[in-house]
Amino acid sequence: MESRRKVLVGKVVGDKMDKTVTVSIESRRRHPSYRKIIKRSVKLKAHDGDNGCRAGDVVKIVESRPYSKTKHWRVLEVVSRGEIVEAYKDDSAVQQTEDSG
């Protein structure tokens, strides 16, 4: 029997919560009257029971029962691992202010 649940592929943008990840889904649609391609994105919360996903991973999520007030999706599989990008302070901006002052 075929499953009638929706399956989406998106990128993990947040993994700070316990057993929950925030997944950004991007879609491209043609505007009906202007005929220009428009990018739309929506952020969904998905259940990650084993806390295996990290920010930057591409995951496949499937529609499921409500796990909480805002969480109605479940991580099906990790399609690819992403690079962990850490925020750092830009040293060039600091050097420019020191030189001018």
Protein backbone atom coordinates (compact mmCIF):
# COMPACT_ATOMS: atom_id res chain seq x y z
CA MET A 1 0.00 0.00 0.00
CA GLU A 2 1.31 3.42 -0.91
CA SER A 3 1.93 5.93 1.81
CA ARG A 4 -0.09 9.11 1.36
CA ARG A 5 2.15 11.19 3.59
CA LYS A 6 4.02 14.15 2.18
CA VAL A 7 7.79 13.80 1.92
CA LEU A 8 9.96 16.94 1.62
CA VAL A 9 13.70 17.53 1.34
CA GLY A 10 15.26 20.51 3.10
CA LYS A 11 18.27 21.87 4.95
CA VAL A 12 18.63 21.83 8.74
CA VAL A 13 19.02 25.41 9.95
CA GLY A 14 18.63 24.84 13.69
CA ASP A 15 19.46 21.98 16.04
CA LYS A 16 19.51 23.68 19.45
CA MET A 17 16.39 21.94 20.80
CA ASP A 18 16.29 18.44 22.26
CA LYS A 19 14.97 15.86 19.74
CA THR A 20 13.85 18.66 17.38
CA VAL A 21 15.41 20.25 14.31
CA THR A 22 14.29 23.24 12.26
CA VAL A 23 14.28 22.46 8.54
CA SER A 24 14.12 25.10 5.81
CA ILE A 25 12.23 23.99 2.68
CA GLU A 26 12.80 26.05 -0.47
CA SER A 27 10.49 25.94 -3.46
CA ARG A 28 10.64 27.75 -6.79
CA ARG A 29 7.47 28.80 -8.52
CA ARG A 30 6.68 30.86 -11.59
CA HIS A 31 4.60 33.93 -10.82
CA PRO A 32 1.21 33.55 -12.54
CA SER A 33 1.09 36.98 -14.17
CA TYR A 34 4.70 38.25 -14.18
CA ARG A 35 6.23 34.90 -15.28
CA LYS A 36 9.29 35.43 -13.09
CA ILE A 37 10.70 32.61 -10.95
CA ILE A 38 10.08 33.29 -7.26
CA LYS A 39 11.87 31.49 -4.42
CA ARG A 40 9.73 30.70 -1.42
CA SER A 41 10.98 29.18 1.81
CA VAL A 42 9.20 27.85 4.86
CA LYS A 43 10.69 26.65 8.15
CA LEU A 44 9.25 23.49 9.68
CA LYS A 45 10.05 21.77 12.96
CA ALA A 46 10.72 18.04 12.69
CA HIS A 47 11.16 15.31 15.30
CA ASP A 48 14.69 13.87 15.46
CA GLY A 49 14.49 11.12 18.07
CA ASP A 50 18.19 10.26 18.25
CA ASN A 51 19.53 13.85 17.90
CA GLY A 52 21.54 12.75 14.85
CA CYS A 53 21.06 15.84 12.67
CA ARG A 54 23.31 18.88 12.74
CA ALA A 55 22.96 22.34 11.19
CA GLY A 56 23.80 22.23 7.48
CA ASP A 57 22.62 18.66 6.87
CA VAL A 58 20.21 17.95 4.04
CA VAL A 59 17.39 15.77 5.36
CA LYS A 60 14.23 14.10 4.12
CA ILE A 61 11.21 14.72 6.37
CA VAL A 62 7.81 13.04 6.34
CA GLU A 63 4.44 14.25 7.57
CA SER A 64 3.44 12.58 10.84
CA ARG A 65 1.27 12.79 13.91
CA PRO A 66 1.51 15.94 16.03
CA TYR A 67 4.46 15.63 18.41
CA SER A 68 3.81 19.06 19.93
CA LYS A 69 1.99 22.32 19.21
CA THR A 70 4.29 23.23 16.29
CA LYS A 71 5.95 19.91 15.40
CA HIS A 72 4.10 17.75 12.84
CA TRP A 73 7.01 16.32 10.82
CA ARG A 74 9.55 13.54 11.43
CA VAL A 75 13.09 13.14 10.07
CA LEU A 76 13.06 10.16 7.71
CA GLU A 77 16.74 10.12 6.73
CA VAL A 78 19.83 12.27 6.40
CA VAL A 79 20.50 12.69 2.68
CA SER A 80 23.90 14.37 3.05
CA ARG A 81 26.03 15.78 5.82
CA GLY A 82 26.77 19.49 5.69
CA GLU A 83 29.75 21.45 6.82
CA ILE A 84 29.54 22.97 10.26
CA VAL A 85 30.05 26.69 9.83
CA GLU A 86 31.03 28.53 12.98
CA ALA A 87 30.42 32.22 13.42
CA TYR A 88 33.58 34.25 13.89
CA LYS A 89 34.40 37.88 14.34
CA ASP A 90 35.64 39.62 11.21
CA ASP A 91 39.18 40.82 11.98
CA SER A 92 39.40 43.10 8.92
CA ALA A 93 36.71 45.44 10.28
CA VAL A 94 38.54 45.68 13.61
CA GLN A 95 41.85 46.52 11.88
CA GLN A 96 40.25 49.27 9.79
CA THR A 97 38.86 51.03 12.86
CA GLU A 98 42.20 50.80 14.68
CA ASP A 99 44.12 52.24 11.70
CA SER A 100 41.77 55.20 11.24
CA GLY A 101 41.67 56.08 14.95
